[in-house]
Each structure stands twice: as structure tokens, then as C-alpha cells.
Protein backbone atom coordinates (compact mmCIF):
# COMPACT_ATOMS: atom_id res chain seq x y z
CA MET A 1 -0.07 0.15 0.13
CA GLN A 2 1.38 3.57 -1.02
CA ASN A 3 1.77 6.02 1.85
CA ASN A 4 -0.11 9.07 2.04
CA VAL A 5 2.41 11.77 1.20
CA LEU A 6 0.32 14.36 2.33
CA LEU A 7 0.00 12.98 5.90
CA ILE A 8 3.72 12.54 5.85
CA ILE A 9 4.64 15.91 4.83
CA ARG A 10 1.98 17.05 7.60
CA GLU A 11 3.59 14.94 10.09
CA LYS A 12 7.70 16.06 9.29
CA MET A 13 7.20 19.62 8.79
CA ALA A 14 7.75 20.82 12.23
CA ALA A 15 11.21 19.29 11.65
CA LEU A 16 12.45 20.19 8.08
CA PRO A 17 14.70 23.47 7.81
CA GLN A 18 12.95 27.05 6.92
CA SER A 19 13.69 26.36 2.89
CA GLU A 20 12.13 22.84 3.12
CA LYS A 21 9.42 24.00 5.69
CA LYS A 22 8.48 26.65 3.09
CA ILE A 23 7.73 24.26 0.39
CA ALA A 24 5.58 22.20 2.61
CA GLU A 25 3.25 24.66 3.36
CA THR A 26 2.85 25.71 -0.24
CA ILE A 27 2.04 21.93 -0.93
CA LEU A 28 -0.45 21.59 1.86
CA LYS A 29 -1.93 24.96 1.61
CA ASP A 30 -2.60 23.57 -2.80
CA PRO A 31 -1.85 20.15 -3.73
CA VAL A 32 -3.66 20.42 -6.80
CA MET A 33 -1.78 23.62 -8.26
CA VAL A 34 1.32 21.81 -7.44
CA ILE A 35 0.79 18.79 -9.43
CA GLN A 36 0.72 21.08 -12.46
CA MET A 37 3.94 22.72 -11.50
CA SER A 38 7.53 22.02 -12.57
CA ALA A 39 10.05 21.98 -9.61
CA THR A 40 11.12 25.48 -10.45
CA ASP A 41 7.69 26.43 -10.21
CA LEU A 42 7.01 25.26 -6.85
CA ALA A 43 10.31 26.72 -6.03
CA ALA A 44 9.43 30.25 -6.52
CA GLU A 45 5.88 29.98 -5.54
CA ALA A 46 7.24 28.91 -2.19
CA GLY A 47 9.74 31.66 -2.10
CA SER A 48 12.61 28.72 -2.26
CA SER A 49 14.80 27.66 -4.24
CA SER A 50 14.75 24.38 -6.38
CA ALA A 51 17.72 22.57 -4.69
CA ALA A 52 15.76 23.17 -1.49
CA VAL A 53 12.79 21.01 -3.56
CA ILE A 54 15.07 17.98 -4.13
CA ARG A 55 16.10 18.27 -0.82
CA PHE A 56 12.26 18.22 0.96
CA CYS A 57 11.80 15.29 -1.35
CA ARG A 58 14.38 13.37 0.25
CA SER A 59 12.94 14.54 3.57
CA ILE A 60 9.51 13.14 2.97
CA GLY A 61 11.14 9.97 1.58
CA VAL A 62 10.33 10.10 -1.99
CA LYS A 63 13.06 9.84 -4.98
CA GLY A 64 11.97 12.99 -6.90
CA PHE A 65 9.40 15.77 -7.87
CA THR A 66 8.09 13.81 -10.16
CA GLU A 67 7.77 10.88 -7.80
CA LEU A 68 6.07 13.47 -5.77
CA LYS A 69 3.19 14.78 -8.48
CA LEU A 70 2.43 10.75 -9.29
CA GLN A 71 2.08 10.08 -5.12
CA LEU A 72 -0.18 13.31 -5.27
CA SER A 73 -2.19 13.04 -8.53
CA ALA A 74 -3.01 9.36 -7.32
CA ASP A 75 -4.85 10.40 -4.25
CA SER A 76 -6.22 13.69 -6.27
CA GLN A 77 -10.03 12.52 -5.39
CA GLY A 78 -9.25 12.56 -1.69
CA ILE A 79 -7.18 16.14 -1.77
CA LYS A 80 -10.63 17.12 -3.63
CA ASP A 81 -13.21 15.91 -1.04
CA ASN A 82 -10.83 17.68 1.72
CA LEU A 83 -9.80 14.29 3.46
CA TYR A 84 -6.47 15.51 4.70
CA THR A 85 -7.33 18.79 6.82
CA ASP A 86 -8.17 18.83 11.01
CA ILE A 87 -11.71 18.48 11.98
CA LEU A 88 -13.68 21.75 10.95
CA SER A 89 -16.72 24.14 12.30
CA GLU A 90 -19.70 22.16 11.95
CA GLU A 91 -18.21 19.26 9.82
CA ASN A 92 -20.47 16.43 8.50
CA LEU A 93 -20.38 13.63 10.18
CA GLU A 94 -19.73 11.34 7.90
CA GLN A 95 -16.88 13.48 6.43
CA VAL A 96 -15.19 13.24 9.82
CA LYS A 97 -15.30 9.09 9.98
CA LYS A 98 -13.55 9.16 6.14
CA LYS A 99 -10.73 11.98 7.80
CA MET A 100 -10.65 9.01 11.45
CA LEU A 101 -10.43 6.27 8.99
CA ILE A 102 -7.31 7.89 6.88
CA ASN A 103 -5.34 9.28 9.55
CA THR A 104 -5.78 6.06 11.89
CA ASN A 105 -4.60 3.42 8.61
CA HIS A 106 -1.87 5.60 7.46
CA LEU A 107 -0.67 5.85 11.22
CA PHE A 108 -1.49 2.04 12.12
CA LYS A 109 1.17 1.67 9.13
CA GLU A 110 3.32 4.16 9.30
CA THR A 111 3.70 2.56 13.59
CA ASN A 112 4.06 -0.74 12.12
CA ASN A 113 7.34 0.70 10.23
CA VAL A 114 9.18 1.96 13.25
CA LEU A 115 8.19 -0.82 16.45
CA ASP A 116 11.36 -2.36 15.66
CA THR A 117 10.85 -6.51 16.13
CA LYS A 118 13.94 -7.22 18.22
CA GLN A 119 12.74 -4.51 20.45
CA ILE A 120 9.22 -5.60 21.26
CA GLU A 121 10.92 -9.40 21.79
CA ARG A 122 13.11 -7.87 24.53
CA VAL A 123 10.44 -6.13 26.47
CA SER A 124 8.28 -9.80 26.37
CA GLU A 125 11.21 -11.23 27.48
CA LEU A 126 11.76 -8.46 30.42
CA LEU A 127 7.53 -8.41 31.43
CA HIS A 128 7.62 -12.52 31.54
CA GLU A 129 10.70 -12.77 33.78
CA SER A 130 9.84 -9.80 36.02
CA SER A 131 9.20 -10.10 39.65
CA VAL A 132 6.76 -6.94 38.95
CA ILE A 133 5.41 -4.31 36.64
CA TYR A 134 5.49 -0.61 37.41
CA LEU A 135 3.67 1.29 35.04
CA TYR A 136 2.96 5.09 34.46
CA GLY A 137 1.52 7.60 32.08
CA LEU A 138 -0.13 10.71 32.56
CA GLY A 139 -3.37 11.94 30.94
CA ALA A 140 -4.65 9.84 27.63
CA SER A 141 -1.01 7.55 28.43
CA HIS A 142 -2.71 6.84 31.77
CA ILE A 143 -4.89 5.10 29.54
CA VAL A 144 -2.29 2.77 28.03
CA ALA A 145 -0.80 2.24 31.13
CA SER A 146 -4.14 0.70 32.30
CA ASP A 147 -4.62 -1.44 29.59
CA ILE A 148 -0.81 -3.10 29.86
CA GLN A 149 -1.64 -3.50 33.52
CA GLN A 150 -4.89 -4.73 32.29
CA LYS A 151 -3.82 -7.01 30.14
CA PHE A 152 -0.67 -8.54 31.41
CA SER A 153 -2.90 -8.83 35.31
CA ARG A 154 -4.35 -11.02 33.34
CA MET A 155 -1.72 -13.17 32.22
CA GLY A 156 -0.57 -13.66 36.12
CA LYS A 157 1.92 -11.25 36.11
CA MET A 158 2.00 -8.88 39.10
CA VAL A 159 1.49 -5.12 38.07
CA VAL A 160 1.35 -1.94 39.92
CA CYS A 161 -0.30 1.30 37.60
CA SER A 162 -0.77 4.65 39.48
CA LEU A 163 -0.87 7.87 38.89
CA ASP A 164 1.13 7.96 42.69
CA GLN A 165 4.61 8.77 42.14
CA HIS A 166 5.89 8.91 45.41
CA LEU A 167 3.80 5.01 45.82
CA LEU A 168 5.33 4.03 42.97
CA VAL A 169 9.19 5.38 43.84
CA THR A 170 8.81 3.85 47.67
CA SER A 171 7.32 0.39 46.09
CA MET A 172 10.42 0.30 43.64
CA ALA A 173 12.44 1.04 46.18
CA VAL A 174 12.07 -2.60 47.68
CA ALA A 175 10.94 -4.52 44.32
CA GLY A 176 12.28 -7.66 43.77
CA LYS A 177 15.02 -8.83 41.11
CA ASN A 178 14.41 -8.29 37.31
CA ALA A 179 11.42 -5.70 38.19
CA VAL A 180 10.53 -3.70 35.46
CA PHE A 181 9.69 0.16 34.88
CA PHE A 182 7.46 0.87 31.89
CA GLY A 183 6.70 4.73 30.98
CA VAL A 184 4.22 5.84 28.61
CA SER A 185 4.36 9.61 27.33
CA ASN A 186 3.25 10.47 23.84
CA SER A 187 6.17 12.94 24.14
CA GLY A 188 8.75 11.32 26.02
CA GLU A 189 8.96 14.70 27.75
CA LYS A 190 6.96 14.47 30.75
CA LYS A 191 9.47 15.53 33.72
CA GLU A 192 7.07 13.33 35.78
CA VAL A 193 7.43 10.37 33.59
CA LEU A 194 11.52 10.98 33.36
CA ALA A 195 12.16 11.50 36.91
CA LEU A 196 10.05 7.86 37.50
CA MET A 197 12.30 6.24 34.82
CA SER A 198 15.33 8.03 36.08
CA MET A 199 15.07 6.89 40.13
CA ALA A 200 14.02 3.30 38.52
CA LYS A 201 17.30 3.04 36.91
CA GLU A 202 18.72 4.41 40.25
CA LEU A 203 17.52 1.56 41.85
CA GLY A 204 18.40 -0.85 39.57
CA LEU A 205 15.07 -1.82 37.87
CA HIS A 206 14.70 -2.65 33.95
CA THR A 207 13.30 0.25 31.90
CA VAL A 208 11.34 0.22 29.00
CA SER A 209 9.73 3.02 27.28
CA LEU A 210 6.58 3.75 24.66
CA THR A 211 6.80 7.35 23.02
CA SER A 212 6.20 8.64 19.66
CA ASN A 213 8.69 7.97 17.26
CA THR A 214 10.95 11.28 17.92
CA GLU A 215 14.35 11.78 19.41
CA ASN A 216 12.96 12.10 23.22
CA ALA A 217 14.56 12.22 26.19
CA LEU A 218 12.67 9.00 28.00
CA SER A 219 13.20 6.87 25.03
CA LEU A 220 17.16 7.91 25.39
CA GLU A 221 17.18 7.18 28.81
CA ALA A 222 15.29 3.63 28.63
CA ASP A 223 16.70 0.31 28.56
CA VAL A 224 14.30 -0.47 25.71
CA ALA A 225 12.74 1.88 23.48
CA LEU A 226 8.96 1.26 21.96
CA LYS A 227 8.39 3.81 19.37
CA THR A 228 5.02 4.77 17.39
CA ALA A 229 4.43 6.82 14.39
CA PHE A 230 4.57 10.82 15.18
CA ALA A 231 1.15 11.98 14.76
CA HIS A 232 0.54 15.25 13.87
CA GLU A 233 -1.05 17.44 16.67
CA ALA A 234 -3.99 19.72 15.12
CA PRO A 235 -5.89 22.76 16.65
CA LEU A 236 -9.09 19.99 18.00
CA ARG A 237 -6.03 17.56 18.91
CA SER A 238 -7.24 14.75 16.37
CA GLY A 239 -3.57 13.93 16.37
CA ALA A 240 -3.63 13.45 20.33
CA THR A 241 -6.50 10.86 19.92
CA ILE A 242 -4.77 8.87 17.14
CA SER A 243 -1.76 9.30 19.30
CA LEU A 244 -3.56 7.17 22.14
CA LEU A 245 -4.87 4.64 19.55
CA THR A 246 -1.52 3.98 18.07
CA GLN A 247 -0.17 3.66 21.81
CA MET A 248 -2.91 1.02 21.96
CA TYR A 249 -1.99 -0.36 18.72
CA ALA A 250 1.98 -1.04 20.04
CA VAL A 251 0.34 -2.58 23.16
CA ASP A 252 -2.15 -5.03 21.45
CA ILE A 253 1.38 -6.69 19.37
CA LEU A 254 3.72 -6.57 22.30
CA PHE A 255 1.04 -8.59 24.21
CA TYR A 256 0.29 -10.66 21.45
CA ASP A 257 4.13 -11.27 20.64
CA TYR A 258 4.06 -11.92 24.66
CA ALA A 259 1.21 -14.38 24.33
CA SER A 260 2.36 -16.36 21.81
CA LYS A 261 5.89 -17.00 22.76
CA HIS A 262 3.94 -18.68 26.73
CA TYR A 263 0.75 -19.80 24.76
CA ASP A 264 -0.27 -22.69 26.89
CA LEU A 265 0.31 -20.50 30.10
CA THR A 266 -1.27 -17.54 28.73
CA VAL A 267 -4.64 -19.88 27.48
CA SER A 268 -4.40 -21.27 31.21
CA ASN A 269 -4.50 -17.93 33.12
CA LEU A 270 -7.09 -16.31 30.71
CA GLU A 271 -9.52 -19.35 31.35
CA LYS A 272 -8.76 -18.67 34.89
CA SER A 273 -9.72 -15.18 35.08
CA LYS A 274 -12.88 -15.53 33.17
CA THR A 275 -14.22 -18.65 35.06
CA ALA A 276 -13.38 -16.49 38.45
CA ILE A 277 -15.55 -12.91 36.79
CA VAL A 278 -18.39 -15.70 36.40
CA GLN A 279 -18.15 -16.87 39.53
CA TYR A 280 -18.12 -13.10 41.01
CA ASN A 281 -21.17 -12.27 38.73
CA LYS A 282 -22.90 -15.09 40.02
CA LYS A 283 -22.84 -13.71 43.63
CA PHE A 284 -25.09 -10.98 42.23
CA ASP A 285 -27.89 -13.54 41.07
């Protein structure tokens, strides 16, 4: 499946040098117009240079300006239907659904590309060998941390997920051998999770991070860094919504890798947990 070039441009634009950023802005403003342009025309329209156009193409992962125009042309209907903008005021619900589907499909594909198989397998190993798993995330990342807790506690793992940082620090200080701290943060720059990661390392715990695909502080600090596709955060934060989905998707991949490697134990523990819920619900009959 071909990458969606407009979404890639939008995601990479903030990190581009100014000469290339002007080209990105011009393309996003009127991509249909660009299809009819030469590289020289685009450079003039953007107030940049032809050399910057070539560098820009390389920065977004296309071979050259001709390929860029071909990709834009292939998606001309989506461009005309205005599917690559943020949610607009009083937007038709069907249009909202189309935009969300396009963004979600794109970012799931990109997450598959950036999630490193060896890193996933290493985290599975660490979690299997762990005496206890400590989880922390703020805001939407706390939802992801809670999902990890729900999944792996049913696998028979001891898991602590809390927003109380002092509780986590005091618990980690007396943790058993092979304890793991798992920090979740889309930006990877939240001071609270960075402080907990630092404490975990000082206390001798193995450390894991789940962040977006940037050179962020949390991923650089962690022993093992899992990354999801970088999602552009628009004014209504549709990017933040999709960032949450990509993190949950990454957790599912980790869960299924763990389950496939410990299949019999996984099935047995899941059956026990299901049986316990059935027995508990009977108490209300």
C-alpha cells in the first residue's frame, strides 16, 4: 500500500529546515496546483530554491519531484474531498469518519514500520522474567498504562499502575529482582515520567518506554525504547486521539507477541480469570 504523502508532509514539517518548510506549506495549501508545476515553479511559489525542492523530497522519503507529483495525483480525489485537513466547524459526520479512517490507517501502517521487532521481543522477555511491573503515564498515556496493567495482570503478572508518584518510588525501592518500570508518554518529555524513569534506573530496575517516533528524552533514557508513528497534533487534537490509538495498537502487538511465546500459560491464565469473573457475577444473582 502506498504511503499517504500529504500526511507524511504534515507530520515531518515541524522538523524541516526553513527552506524546505516553505515548500511543505505551499504543497499543503494547494496540492492540486502543485501537480501542474515544475520544481522551479514550486520553488518560486514557495520563495525557496529548486535545490531545496529536491532536498525536501528526500526528507519526506520520495525519490524526486516527479514521484511526489505522481503520489499527489494518485490521491487527487481525496485532496478534492478535503480529507487531509483537521476537523472543521460544523463538519458533516460522514466527512469526520472518512478523515479519522484515513489518519488511523496511515498511522497504524507507520507504527508497524517504526516498531522494532527485536525491541518488542526484548520487552516481552523482560516482562516474562519480571517479579513486578511498574507502570506510569499521564493523561491519555495513563489510559494506555492501565491497558497494559489489565492485559498483563490477567497473564499472571504482578502489575502496579498508579498516578501516585510517591507510591511508585517507595514500591520500586523494595522491588524484587528483575522488576521493570514501564513509562508511557507520547511526547517522551513529561518531567514526571522522566523523574520516575531516572529513579527506576538508580534503584536497579529494568526500564522500558513507549513514545512517539522522535528523539525524545524518555526513549533515550530507557533500556528498551518502543516507538509509535509520530502523529501531527492539530488544533482540535485529532492527532492526540490517534496517538492514543497507535499506542494501544503497539500494546496489542506486545501482548500478542508475549502470548504467542507463552501460549499454554496464557490460555490457562485467561481461562482462570474468565472463570473467576463468572463466579463473582453469580454472587449478584
